[in-house]
Amino acid sequence: MDQGTVGSIFTVIVFVIFMGIVWWAFSGRNKKKFDEAANLPFADEDKEESKKE
């Protein structure tokens, strides 16, 4: 195997891994966890405002 073949195989492997990550990130069963994680910074603001009052 020459360097071109190894590079092509590596590119295909990285592409398959990338597509797996994209599928995982956009799958419906993870939506609830990602929505909760997206709102974490705003939950911290609510706690800080209650301490000031």
C-alpha atoms as a PDB file:
ATOM      1  CA  MET A   1       0.000   0.000   0.000  1.00  0.00           C
ATOM      2  CA  ASP A   2       1.350   3.362  -0.944  1.00  0.00           C
ATOM      3  CA  GLN A   3       0.771   6.683   0.765  1.00  0.00           C
ATOM      4  CA  GLY A   4      -2.129   7.626  -1.528  1.00  0.00           C
ATOM      5  CA  THR A   5      -4.084   4.496  -0.629  1.00  0.00           C
ATOM      6  CA  VAL A   6      -3.494   4.957   3.087  1.00  0.00           C
ATOM      7  CA  GLY A   7      -4.578   8.594   2.815  1.00  0.00           C
ATOM      8  CA  SER A   8      -7.759   7.607   0.978  1.00  0.00           C
ATOM      9  CA  ILE A   9      -8.638   4.954   3.557  1.00  0.00           C
ATOM     10  CA  PHE A  10      -8.011   7.430   6.380  1.00  0.00           C
ATOM     11  CA  THR A  11     -10.233  10.019   4.659  1.00  0.00           C
ATOM     12  CA  VAL A  12     -13.079   7.520   4.326  1.00  0.00           C
ATOM     13  CA  ILE A  13     -12.753   6.459   7.976  1.00  0.00           C
ATOM     14  CA  VAL A  14     -12.793  10.070   9.200  1.00  0.00           C
ATOM     15  CA  PHE A  15     -15.815  10.830   6.989  1.00  0.00           C
ATOM     16  CA  VAL A  16     -17.736   7.839   8.389  1.00  0.00           C
ATOM     17  CA  ILE A  17     -16.910   8.931  11.946  1.00  0.00           C
ATOM     18  CA  PHE A  18     -18.018  12.491  11.140  1.00  0.00           C
ATOM     19  CA  MET A  19     -21.323  11.266   9.712  1.00  0.00           C
ATOM     20  CA  GLY A  20     -21.852   9.144  12.842  1.00  0.00           C
ATOM     21  CA  ILE A  21     -21.327  12.193  15.066  1.00  0.00           C
ATOM     22  CA  VAL A  22     -23.732  14.254  12.951  1.00  0.00           C
ATOM     23  CA  TRP A  23     -26.345  11.476  13.114  1.00  0.00           C
ATOM     24  CA  TRP A  24     -25.902  11.218  16.908  1.00  0.00           C
ATOM     25  CA  ALA A  25     -26.176  14.990  17.398  1.00  0.00           C
ATOM     26  CA  PHE A  26     -29.353  15.315  15.357  1.00  0.00           C
ATOM     27  CA  SER A  27     -31.119  12.137  16.449  1.00  0.00           C
ATOM     28  CA  GLY A  28     -34.477  12.662  18.093  1.00  0.00           C
ATOM     29  CA  ARG A  29     -33.756  10.749  21.275  1.00  0.00           C
ATOM     30  CA  ASN A  30     -31.005  13.204  22.286  1.00  0.00           C
ATOM     31  CA  LYS A  31     -33.142  16.315  21.776  1.00  0.00           C
ATOM     32  CA  LYS A  32     -34.350  16.485  25.390  1.00  0.00           C
ATOM     33  CA  LYS A  33     -30.801  16.273  26.808  1.00  0.00           C
ATOM     34  CA  PHE A  34     -29.503  18.892  24.374  1.00  0.00           C
ATOM     35  CA  ASP A  35     -32.402  21.253  25.111  1.00  0.00           C
ATOM     36  CA  GLU A  36     -31.715  20.992  28.838  1.00  0.00           C
ATOM     37  CA  ALA A  37     -28.004  21.619  28.280  1.00  0.00           C
ATOM     38  CA  ALA A  38     -28.767  24.632  26.081  1.00  0.00           C
ATOM     39  CA  ASN A  39     -30.803  26.232  28.868  1.00  0.00           C
ATOM     40  CA  LEU A  40     -28.239  25.717  31.640  1.00  0.00           C
ATOM     41  CA  PRO A  41     -26.732  29.241  31.394  1.00  0.00           C
ATOM     42  CA  PHE A  42     -30.191  30.774  31.793  1.00  0.00           C
ATOM     43  CA  ALA A  43     -30.950  28.640  34.855  1.00  0.00           C
ATOM     44  CA  ASP A  44     -27.876  30.108  36.525  1.00  0.00           C
ATOM     45  CA  GLU A  45     -29.178  33.649  35.933  1.00  0.00           C
ATOM     46  CA  ASP A  46     -32.427  32.817  37.742  1.00  0.00           C
ATOM     47  CA  LYS A  47     -30.486  31.699  40.814  1.00  0.00           C
ATOM     48  CA  GLU A  48     -28.355  34.851  40.813  1.00  0.00           C
ATOM     49  CA  GLU A  49     -31.410  37.115  40.543  1.00  0.00           C
ATOM     50  CA  SER A  50     -33.095  35.398  43.506  1.00  0.00           C
ATOM     51  CA  LYS A  51     -29.954  35.926  45.628  1.00  0.00           C
ATOM     52  CA  LYS A  52     -29.923  39.690  44.866  1.00  0.00           C
ATOM     53  CA  GLU A  53     -33.502  40.218  46.023  1.00  0.00           C
END
